[in-house]
C-alpha atoms as a PDB file:
ATOM      1  CA  MET A   1      15.065 -57.189  42.869  1.00  0.00           C
ATOM      2  CA  THR A   2      16.636 -58.828  39.834  1.00  0.00           C
ATOM      3  CA  HIS A   3      16.192 -62.580  40.883  1.00  0.00           C
ATOM      4  CA  LEU A   4      12.128 -61.221  40.673  1.00  0.00           C
ATOM      5  CA  ILE A   5      12.471 -59.195  37.486  1.00  0.00           C
ATOM      6  CA  ARG A   6      14.091 -62.477  36.244  1.00  0.00           C
ATOM      7  CA  THR A   7      11.187 -64.594  37.151  1.00  0.00           C
ATOM      8  CA  LEU A   8       8.815 -62.544  36.198  1.00  0.00           C
ATOM      9  CA  LEU A   9      10.361 -62.404  32.708  1.00  0.00           C
ATOM     10  CA  ILE A  10      10.515 -65.691  32.067  1.00  0.00           C
ATOM     11  CA  ALA A  11       6.669 -66.239  33.331  1.00  0.00           C
ATOM     12  CA  ALA A  12       5.938 -63.670  30.822  1.00  0.00           C
ATOM     13  CA  CYS A  13       7.838 -65.355  28.023  1.00  0.00           C
ATOM     14  CA  ALA A  14       6.136 -68.805  29.193  1.00  0.00           C
ATOM     15  CA  LEU A  15       2.414 -66.687  29.325  1.00  0.00           C
ATOM     16  CA  LEU A  16       3.367 -65.088  25.842  1.00  0.00           C
ATOM     17  CA  LEU A  17       4.929 -68.220  23.970  1.00  0.00           C
ATOM     18  CA  SER A  18       2.048 -70.821  25.283  1.00  0.00           C
ATOM     19  CA  GLY A  19      -0.776 -68.735  23.528  1.00  0.00           C
ATOM     20  CA  CYS A  20      -4.096 -67.579  25.935  1.00  0.00           C
ATOM     21  CA  GLY A  21      -7.247 -69.341  25.683  1.00  0.00           C
ATOM     22  CA  GLY A  22      -8.768 -72.173  24.313  1.00  0.00           C
ATOM     23  CA  PRO A  23      -8.570 -75.420  23.279  1.00  0.00           C
ATOM     24  CA  GLN A  24      -5.245 -74.299  21.348  1.00  0.00           C
ATOM     25  CA  ALA A  25      -3.581 -73.175  24.951  1.00  0.00           C
ATOM     26  CA  GLU A  26      -3.986 -76.361  26.035  1.00  0.00           C
ATOM     27  CA  GLN A  27      -2.413 -77.913  22.906  1.00  0.00           C
ATOM     28  CA  ASN A  28       0.465 -75.268  23.224  1.00  0.00           C
ATOM     29  CA  ALA A  29       0.823 -75.195  26.821  1.00  0.00           C
ATOM     30  CA  ALA A  30       4.295 -74.658  27.763  1.00  0.00           C
ATOM     31  CA  ALA A  31       6.471 -75.735  30.660  1.00  0.00           C
ATOM     32  CA  VAL A  32       9.144 -73.578  32.493  1.00  0.00           C
ATOM     33  CA  THR A  33      11.755 -75.651  34.298  1.00  0.00           C
ATOM     34  CA  GLU A  34      14.574 -74.581  36.445  1.00  0.00           C
ATOM     35  CA  ILE A  35      17.742 -75.856  34.871  1.00  0.00           C
ATOM     36  CA  ASN A  36      21.980 -75.337  35.918  1.00  0.00           C
ATOM     37  CA  ALA A  37      23.368 -76.965  33.002  1.00  0.00           C
ATOM     38  CA  TRP A  38      23.202 -76.346  28.776  1.00  0.00           C
ATOM     39  CA  PRO A  39      20.227 -78.854  28.072  1.00  0.00           C
ATOM     40  CA  GLN A  40      20.700 -81.232  25.558  1.00  0.00           C
ATOM     41  CA  ASN A  41      18.070 -81.859  22.977  1.00  0.00           C
ATOM     42  CA  GLN A  42      17.737 -81.294  19.241  1.00  0.00           C
ATOM     43  CA  TYR A  43      17.016 -77.168  19.827  1.00  0.00           C
ATOM     44  CA  THR A  44      20.547 -76.611  21.694  1.00  0.00           C
ATOM     45  CA  GLU A  45      22.827 -78.955  19.544  1.00  0.00           C
ATOM     46  CA  ALA A  46      21.779 -76.965  16.680  1.00  0.00           C
ATOM     47  CA  ILE A  47      23.359 -73.752  18.189  1.00  0.00           C
ATOM     48  CA  PRO A  48      26.588 -72.899  19.634  1.00  0.00           C
ATOM     49  CA  GLN A  49      26.599 -73.198  23.478  1.00  0.00           C
ATOM     50  CA  PRO A  50      27.137 -69.754  25.032  1.00  0.00           C
ATOM     51  CA  PRO A  51      30.501 -69.685  26.745  1.00  0.00           C
ATOM     52  CA  ASP A  52      29.242 -67.752  29.628  1.00  0.00           C
ATOM     53  CA  GLY A  53      26.091 -67.028  31.697  1.00  0.00           C
ATOM     54  CA  THR A  54      24.441 -70.132  33.594  1.00  0.00           C
ATOM     55  CA  PRO A  55      21.287 -71.656  32.150  1.00  0.00           C
ATOM     56  CA  SER A  56      18.497 -71.128  34.803  1.00  0.00           C
ATOM     57  CA  ALA A  57      15.196 -71.575  33.060  1.00  0.00           C
ATOM     58  CA  ALA A  58      14.233 -73.813  29.809  1.00  0.00           C
ATOM     59  CA  VAL A  59      10.298 -73.202  28.205  1.00  0.00           C
ATOM     60  CA  THR A  60       8.984 -76.237  26.501  1.00  0.00           C
ATOM     61  CA  PRO A  61       5.652 -76.064  25.241  1.00  0.00           C
ATOM     62  CA  ALA A  62       3.732 -79.442  24.786  1.00  0.00           C
ATOM     63  CA  ASP A  63       3.764 -79.324  20.646  1.00  0.00           C
ATOM     64  CA  GLY A  64       7.914 -79.265  21.023  1.00  0.00           C
ATOM     65  CA  SER A  65       6.839 -76.030  18.392  1.00  0.00           C
ATOM     66  CA  TYR A  66      10.055 -74.276  20.298  1.00  0.00           C
ATOM     67  CA  TYR A  67      12.586 -74.364  22.882  1.00  0.00           C
ATOM     68  CA  ALA A  68      13.756 -71.269  25.046  1.00  0.00           C
ATOM     69  CA  ILE A  69      16.697 -71.315  27.375  1.00  0.00           C
ATOM     70  CA  PHE A  70      17.300 -68.104  29.788  1.00  0.00           C
ATOM     71  CA  LEU A  71      21.098 -67.336  30.822  1.00  0.00           C
ATOM     72  CA  ARG A  72      21.790 -65.370  34.426  1.00  0.00           C
ATOM     73  CA  ASP A  73      24.926 -63.559  35.119  1.00  0.00           C
ATOM     74  CA  ILE A  74      25.534 -62.177  31.516  1.00  0.00           C
ATOM     75  CA  THR A  75      26.799 -59.304  30.683  1.00  0.00           C
ATOM     76  CA  ARG A  76      25.420 -56.926  27.809  1.00  0.00           C
ATOM     77  CA  GLU A  77      29.278 -57.355  26.109  1.00  0.00           C
ATOM     78  CA  GLN A  78      29.009 -61.266  26.457  1.00  0.00           C
ATOM     79  CA  SER A  79      25.566 -61.186  24.744  1.00  0.00           C
ATOM     80  CA  ARG A  80      27.169 -59.463  22.323  1.00  0.00           C
ATOM     81  CA  ASP A  81      30.049 -61.787  22.194  1.00  0.00           C
ATOM     82  CA  TYR A  82      27.758 -64.445  22.021  1.00  0.00           C
ATOM     83  CA  LEU A  83      26.066 -62.622  18.899  1.00  0.00           C
ATOM     84  CA  ASP A  84      29.332 -62.805  16.896  1.00  0.00           C
ATOM     85  CA  LEU A  85      30.030 -66.483  17.648  1.00  0.00           C
ATOM     86  CA  LEU A  86      26.482 -67.180  16.097  1.00  0.00           C
ATOM     87  CA  GLU A  87      27.371 -65.325  13.047  1.00  0.00           C
ATOM     88  CA  GLN A  88      30.790 -66.661  12.949  1.00  0.00           C
ATOM     89  CA  ASP A  89      28.868 -69.729  12.931  1.00  0.00           C
ATOM     90  CA  GLY A  90      27.448 -68.988  10.183  1.00  0.00           C
ATOM     91  CA  PHE A  91      24.136 -67.385  11.077  1.00  0.00           C
ATOM     92  CA  GLU A  92      22.732 -64.383   9.505  1.00  0.00           C
ATOM     93  CA  ARG A  93      21.221 -61.577  11.372  1.00  0.00           C
ATOM     94  CA  VAL A  94      18.254 -60.450  10.209  1.00  0.00           C
ATOM     95  CA  PHE A  95      17.476 -58.203  13.079  1.00  0.00           C
ATOM     96  CA  SER A  96      18.252 -56.174  15.609  1.00  0.00           C
ATOM     97  CA  ALA A  97      17.459 -53.391  18.106  1.00  0.00           C
ATOM     98  CA  GLU A  98      18.940 -51.421  21.210  1.00  0.00           C
ATOM     99  CA  GLU A  99      17.457 -49.983  23.465  1.00  0.00           C
ATOM    100  CA  LYS A 100      18.819 -48.477  27.021  1.00  0.00           C
ATOM    101  CA  SER A 101      17.882 -51.232  29.156  1.00  0.00           C
ATOM    102  CA  PHE A 102      17.704 -54.050  26.513  1.00  0.00           C
ATOM    103  CA  GLU A 103      19.299 -55.557  23.165  1.00  0.00           C
ATOM    104  CA  SER A 104      17.425 -58.161  21.208  1.00  0.00           C
ATOM    105  CA  ALA A 105      18.189 -60.037  17.698  1.00  0.00           C
ATOM    106  CA  ILE A 106      17.075 -62.248  15.387  1.00  0.00           C
ATOM    107  CA  LEU A 107      19.580 -64.763  13.036  1.00  0.00           C
ATOM    108  CA  GLN A 108      18.821 -67.386  10.686  1.00  0.00           C
ATOM    109  CA  LYS A 109      20.631 -70.266   9.541  1.00  0.00           C
ATOM    110  CA  ASP A 110      19.553 -73.595   7.638  1.00  0.00           C
ATOM    111  CA  GLY A 111      15.703 -73.595   8.750  1.00  0.00           C
ATOM    112  CA  ILE A 112      16.801 -72.441  12.593  1.00  0.00           C
ATOM    113  CA  SER A 113      15.342 -69.072  13.577  1.00  0.00           C
ATOM    114  CA  LEU A 114      17.159 -67.873  17.159  1.00  0.00           C
ATOM    115  CA  HIS A 115      15.652 -64.581  18.801  1.00  0.00           C
ATOM    116  CA  LEU A 116      17.631 -63.406  21.276  1.00  0.00           C
ATOM    117  CA  ALA A 117      16.640 -60.822  23.866  1.00  0.00           C
ATOM    118  CA  TYR A 118      19.137 -59.370  26.703  1.00  0.00           C
ATOM    119  CA  SER A 119      18.081 -57.322  29.433  1.00  0.00           C
ATOM    120  CA  GLU A 120      18.755 -57.258  33.537  1.00  0.00           C
ATOM    121  CA  GLU A 121      21.799 -59.411  33.056  1.00  0.00           C
ATOM    122  CA  THR A 122      19.653 -62.161  31.406  1.00  0.00           C
ATOM    123  CA  LEU A 123      19.937 -63.508  28.098  1.00  0.00           C
ATOM    124  CA  GLY A 124      16.627 -65.459  26.604  1.00  0.00           C
ATOM    125  CA  ILE A 125      17.191 -67.847  23.470  1.00  0.00           C
ATOM    126  CA  TYR A 126      14.329 -68.626  21.870  1.00  0.00           C
ATOM    127  CA  ILE A 127      14.795 -71.028  19.337  1.00  0.00           C
ATOM    128  CA  THR A 128      12.707 -72.428  16.109  1.00  0.00           C
ATOM    129  CA  MET A 129      13.271 -75.228  13.753  1.00  0.00           C
ATOM    130  CA  GLU A 130      11.410 -74.251  10.595  1.00  0.00           C
ATOM    131  CA  GLN A 131       8.524 -76.806   9.353  1.00  0.00           C
ATOM    132  CA  PRO A 132       6.655 -76.317   6.533  1.00  0.00           C
ATOM    133  CA  ALA A 133       3.924 -73.276   6.705  1.00  0.00           C
ATOM    134  CA  SER A 134       4.794 -72.576  10.204  1.00  0.00           C
ATOM    135  CA  ALA A 135       8.211 -70.262   9.629  1.00  0.00           C
ATOM    136  CA  GLU A 136       5.840 -67.098   9.507  1.00  0.00           C
ATOM    137  CA  ALA A 137       4.142 -68.236  12.341  1.00  0.00           C
ATOM    138  CA  ASP A 138       7.257 -68.549  14.479  1.00  0.00           C
ATOM    139  CA  GLU A 139       8.133 -64.692  13.042  1.00  0.00           C
ATOM    140  CA  LYS A 140       4.692 -63.357  14.081  1.00  0.00           C
ATOM    141  CA  ARG A 141       5.251 -65.177  17.582  1.00  0.00           C
ATOM    142  CA  ALA A 142       8.610 -63.780  18.194  1.00  0.00           C
ATOM    143  CA  ASP A 143       7.478 -60.315  17.255  1.00  0.00           C
ATOM    144  CA  ALA A 144       4.320 -60.553  19.372  1.00  0.00           C
ATOM    145  CA  THR A 145       6.982 -61.790  22.327  1.00  0.00           C
ATOM    146  CA  ALA A 146       9.623 -59.084  21.231  1.00  0.00           C
ATOM    147  CA  SER A 147       7.068 -56.359  21.590  1.00  0.00           C
ATOM    148  CA  ALA A 148       4.962 -57.507  24.641  1.00  0.00           C
ATOM    149  CA  LEU A 149       8.101 -57.892  26.438  1.00  0.00           C
ATOM    150  CA  PHE A 150      10.192 -54.793  25.080  1.00  0.00           C
ATOM    151  CA  GLY A 151       7.809 -52.715  23.543  1.00  0.00           C
ATOM    152  CA  ILE A 152       9.142 -52.817  20.165  1.00  0.00           C
END
């Protein structure tokens, strides 16, 4: 059952992050890839690797505007420890929310925005790198994603 929930969560994120309908949806289409190791790319190299959890999926849009990675087998406490590690690395927490079944946070540092969401032993990390005129759009997209997934 947990695997089904995790798969649905990943699929929902991919759909929400890729947009809906029309030519823009094709341009922003996202690929969901199963992974089993921490990926190496410009996004993941900009943040500390979480010491806990197992990488299970990555979402990459065709336009390369963000990168999302999902870790499974991570506890709520381990995800909180990772938030602490990010803050020690210089990221500033600009938003956080906590409910019985999930936690989420937005952190920023030097034009890098991280949107983290934890639920059901899965941690999702949505990474964007600020580009002129896109930071506001990234924030709105992350807000819409959190709202749709977690009702916040």
